[in-house]
Amino acid sequence: MKKLKNEKELVKKAIALGVAYGEKRGVVEFEATDSANEKLEYIYRLLIHDKLITPIPEDQVSQKSIRHKLAIWASKQ
């Protein structure tokens, strides 16, 4: 997995896009106290459920891989 040049900014963009997507869909309301890791995990699972991204093999799922996958997704939005 090659690190993207501006992955940190793309992860922030992915969180913003994912939160907006989930709330617009009416499936989730994020609280200010939710951690970034919780948001990333939920957004990742939601996008897989809606078939917007392909899942990472379950034995390879980690915060690092989720961040990378969502950064790639955000870069295409």
N, C-alpha and C. Protein backbone atom coordinates (compact mmCIF):
# COMPACT_ATOMS: atom_id res chain seq x y z
N MET A 1 0.85 -1.17 0.00
CA MET A 1 0.00 0.00 0.00
C MET A 1 0.89 1.24 0.00
N LYS A 2 0.85 1.98 -1.07
CA LYS A 2 1.68 3.17 -1.21
C LYS A 2 0.94 4.37 -0.61
N LYS A 3 1.63 5.10 0.25
CA LYS A 3 1.03 6.26 0.89
C LYS A 3 0.81 7.37 -0.15
N LEU A 4 -0.36 7.97 -0.10
CA LEU A 4 -0.66 9.08 -1.01
C LEU A 4 0.07 10.33 -0.55
N LYS A 5 0.31 11.23 -1.49
CA LYS A 5 1.08 12.43 -1.19
C LYS A 5 0.39 13.29 -0.13
N ASN A 6 -0.89 13.51 -0.27
CA ASN A 6 -1.63 14.36 0.66
C ASN A 6 -2.71 13.56 1.38
N GLU A 7 -2.33 12.40 1.89
CA GLU A 7 -3.29 11.47 2.49
C GLU A 7 -3.99 12.07 3.71
N LYS A 8 -3.28 12.84 4.51
CA LYS A 8 -3.88 13.43 5.71
C LYS A 8 -5.05 14.34 5.36
N GLU A 9 -4.87 15.19 4.35
CA GLU A 9 -5.94 16.09 3.94
C GLU A 9 -7.09 15.31 3.31
N LEU A 10 -6.76 14.26 2.56
CA LEU A 10 -7.80 13.45 1.93
C LEU A 10 -8.63 12.69 2.97
N VAL A 11 -8.00 12.28 4.06
CA VAL A 11 -8.74 11.60 5.13
C VAL A 11 -9.72 12.59 5.77
N LYS A 12 -9.29 13.82 5.98
CA LYS A 12 -10.19 14.85 6.53
C LYS A 12 -11.36 15.09 5.57
N LYS A 13 -11.07 15.13 4.27
CA LYS A 13 -12.12 15.31 3.27
C LYS A 13 -13.06 14.12 3.26
N ALA A 14 -12.52 12.92 3.41
CA ALA A 14 -13.33 11.70 3.44
C ALA A 14 -14.27 11.71 4.63
N ILE A 15 -13.79 12.17 5.78
CA ILE A 15 -14.65 12.24 6.96
C ILE A 15 -15.79 13.22 6.71
N ALA A 16 -15.47 14.39 6.16
CA ALA A 16 -16.49 15.39 5.89
C ALA A 16 -17.52 14.86 4.89
N LEU A 17 -17.04 14.27 3.80
CA LEU A 17 -17.95 13.73 2.78
C LEU A 17 -18.78 12.57 3.33
N GLY A 18 -18.13 11.70 4.09
CA GLY A 18 -18.82 10.53 4.64
C GLY A 18 -19.88 10.90 5.66
N VAL A 19 -19.57 11.87 6.53
CA VAL A 19 -20.55 12.33 7.51
C VAL A 19 -21.75 12.94 6.79
N ALA A 20 -21.49 13.77 5.80
CA ALA A 20 -22.58 14.39 5.04
C ALA A 20 -23.41 13.32 4.33
N TYR A 21 -22.75 12.34 3.74
CA TYR A 21 -23.44 11.27 3.03
C TYR A 21 -24.33 10.45 3.98
N GLY A 22 -23.78 10.06 5.12
CA GLY A 22 -24.53 9.27 6.09
C GLY A 22 -25.72 10.01 6.67
N GLU A 23 -25.53 11.28 6.97
CA GLU A 23 -26.62 12.07 7.54
C GLU A 23 -27.68 12.38 6.50
N LYS A 24 -27.26 12.64 5.26
CA LYS A 24 -28.22 12.90 4.18
C LYS A 24 -29.07 11.66 3.92
N ARG A 25 -28.44 10.51 4.02
CA ARG A 25 -29.14 9.24 3.83
C ARG A 25 -30.06 8.91 4.99
N GLY A 26 -29.83 9.57 6.12
CA GLY A 26 -30.67 9.38 7.28
C GLY A 26 -30.36 8.14 8.10
N VAL A 27 -29.16 7.59 7.95
CA VAL A 27 -28.82 6.37 8.67
C VAL A 27 -28.00 6.63 9.93
N VAL A 28 -27.48 7.83 10.08
CA VAL A 28 -26.61 8.09 11.23
C VAL A 28 -26.64 9.58 11.57
N GLU A 29 -26.43 9.85 12.86
CA GLU A 29 -26.20 11.22 13.32
C GLU A 29 -24.93 11.17 14.16
N PHE A 30 -23.90 11.79 13.67
CA PHE A 30 -22.63 11.80 14.40
C PHE A 30 -22.67 12.87 15.48
N GLU A 31 -22.04 12.55 16.60
CA GLU A 31 -21.94 13.49 17.72
C GLU A 31 -20.56 14.13 17.69
N ALA A 32 -20.44 15.27 18.34
CA ALA A 32 -19.15 15.95 18.41
C ALA A 32 -18.13 15.13 19.19
N THR A 33 -18.61 14.24 20.05
CA THR A 33 -17.71 13.45 20.88
C THR A 33 -17.23 12.18 20.18
N ASP A 34 -17.76 11.87 19.00
CA ASP A 34 -17.30 10.69 18.25
C ASP A 34 -15.88 10.91 17.77
N SER A 35 -15.05 9.90 17.95
CA SER A 35 -13.66 10.02 17.52
C SER A 35 -13.56 9.87 16.00
N ALA A 36 -12.46 10.33 15.45
CA ALA A 36 -12.24 10.22 14.01
C ALA A 36 -12.19 8.76 13.60
N ASN A 37 -11.59 7.91 14.44
CA ASN A 37 -11.50 6.49 14.13
C ASN A 37 -12.88 5.85 14.05
N GLU A 38 -13.77 6.22 14.98
CA GLU A 38 -15.14 5.69 14.94
C GLU A 38 -15.86 6.14 13.68
N LYS A 39 -15.70 7.41 13.33
CA LYS A 39 -16.34 7.93 12.12
C LYS A 39 -15.81 7.22 10.88
N LEU A 40 -14.49 7.04 10.81
CA LEU A 40 -13.89 6.38 9.65
C LEU A 40 -14.40 4.95 9.51
N GLU A 41 -14.46 4.23 10.63
CA GLU A 41 -14.94 2.85 10.61
C GLU A 41 -16.39 2.79 10.12
N TYR A 42 -17.24 3.67 10.64
CA TYR A 42 -18.65 3.66 10.24
C TYR A 42 -18.80 4.04 8.78
N ILE A 43 -18.09 5.07 8.35
CA ILE A 43 -18.17 5.50 6.95
C ILE A 43 -17.71 4.39 6.02
N TYR A 44 -16.61 3.73 6.40
CA TYR A 44 -16.08 2.62 5.60
C TYR A 44 -17.14 1.53 5.45
N ARG A 45 -17.73 1.12 6.57
CA ARG A 45 -18.75 0.05 6.53
C ARG A 45 -19.99 0.48 5.73
N LEU A 46 -20.38 1.75 5.86
CA LEU A 46 -21.54 2.25 5.11
C LEU A 46 -21.28 2.25 3.61
N LEU A 47 -20.09 2.70 3.20
CA LEU A 47 -19.76 2.74 1.78
C LEU A 47 -19.67 1.33 1.19
N ILE A 48 -19.20 0.38 1.98
CA ILE A 48 -19.17 -1.01 1.50
C ILE A 48 -20.60 -1.52 1.35
N HIS A 49 -21.44 -1.25 2.34
CA HIS A 49 -22.83 -1.69 2.31
C HIS A 49 -23.55 -1.14 1.08
N ASP A 50 -23.28 0.12 0.75
CA ASP A 50 -23.91 0.76 -0.41
C ASP A 50 -23.18 0.46 -1.71
N LYS A 51 -22.14 -0.37 -1.64
CA LYS A 51 -21.36 -0.79 -2.80
C LYS A 51 -20.71 0.38 -3.55
N LEU A 52 -20.27 1.38 -2.78
CA LEU A 52 -19.57 2.52 -3.38
C LEU A 52 -18.06 2.29 -3.40
N ILE A 53 -17.58 1.40 -2.54
CA ILE A 53 -16.16 1.01 -2.55
C ILE A 53 -16.09 -0.50 -2.40
N THR A 54 -14.97 -1.07 -2.82
CA THR A 54 -14.78 -2.51 -2.64
C THR A 54 -14.17 -2.76 -1.26
N PRO A 55 -14.59 -3.82 -0.61
CA PRO A 55 -14.07 -4.07 0.74
C PRO A 55 -12.63 -4.57 0.75
N ILE A 56 -11.96 -4.27 1.83
CA ILE A 56 -10.63 -4.80 2.09
C ILE A 56 -10.85 -6.19 2.68
N PRO A 57 -10.02 -7.18 2.33
CA PRO A 57 -10.18 -8.49 2.97
C PRO A 57 -10.19 -8.34 4.50
N GLU A 58 -11.13 -9.03 5.15
CA GLU A 58 -11.38 -8.83 6.58
C GLU A 58 -10.14 -9.02 7.45
N ASP A 59 -9.23 -9.90 7.07
CA ASP A 59 -8.02 -10.11 7.87
C ASP A 59 -7.00 -8.98 7.70
N GLN A 60 -7.24 -8.09 6.73
CA GLN A 60 -6.31 -6.98 6.50
C GLN A 60 -6.89 -5.63 6.92
N VAL A 61 -8.08 -5.63 7.50
CA VAL A 61 -8.72 -4.38 7.91
C VAL A 61 -8.01 -3.83 9.14
N SER A 62 -7.56 -2.59 9.05
CA SER A 62 -6.95 -1.87 10.16
C SER A 62 -7.26 -0.39 9.98
N GLN A 63 -6.98 0.41 10.99
CA GLN A 63 -7.22 1.84 10.86
C GLN A 63 -6.41 2.43 9.71
N LYS A 64 -5.18 1.95 9.57
CA LYS A 64 -4.31 2.45 8.50
C LYS A 64 -4.89 2.12 7.12
N SER A 65 -5.37 0.89 6.95
CA SER A 65 -5.92 0.50 5.65
C SER A 65 -7.24 1.20 5.37
N ILE A 66 -8.06 1.39 6.42
CA ILE A 66 -9.33 2.12 6.24
C ILE A 66 -9.05 3.56 5.84
N ARG A 67 -8.10 4.20 6.52
CA ARG A 67 -7.74 5.59 6.19
C ARG A 67 -7.29 5.69 4.73
N HIS A 68 -6.45 4.74 4.31
CA HIS A 68 -5.94 4.75 2.94
C HIS A 68 -7.08 4.57 1.94
N LYS A 69 -7.95 3.62 2.19
CA LYS A 69 -9.07 3.33 1.28
C LYS A 69 -10.00 4.54 1.18
N LEU A 70 -10.31 5.16 2.30
CA LEU A 70 -11.20 6.33 2.27
C LEU A 70 -10.51 7.55 1.66
N ALA A 71 -9.20 7.66 1.81
CA ALA A 71 -8.47 8.76 1.16
C ALA A 71 -8.54 8.61 -0.35
N ILE A 72 -8.42 7.40 -0.83
CA ILE A 72 -8.55 7.16 -2.28
C ILE A 72 -9.96 7.50 -2.74
N TRP A 73 -10.97 7.07 -1.96
CA TRP A 73 -12.37 7.38 -2.29
C TRP A 73 -12.59 8.89 -2.34
N ALA A 74 -12.06 9.62 -1.35
CA ALA A 74 -12.23 11.07 -1.30
C ALA A 74 -11.54 11.76 -2.47
N SER A 75 -10.43 11.22 -2.92
CA SER A 75 -9.71 11.85 -4.03
C SER A 75 -10.49 11.74 -5.33
N LYS A 76 -11.40 10.79 -5.40
CA LYS A 76 -12.20 10.60 -6.61
C LYS A 76 -13.52 11.36 -6.57
N GLN A 77 -13.83 11.99 -5.45
CA GLN A 77 -15.09 12.72 -5.31
C GLN A 77 -14.97 14.14 -5.83
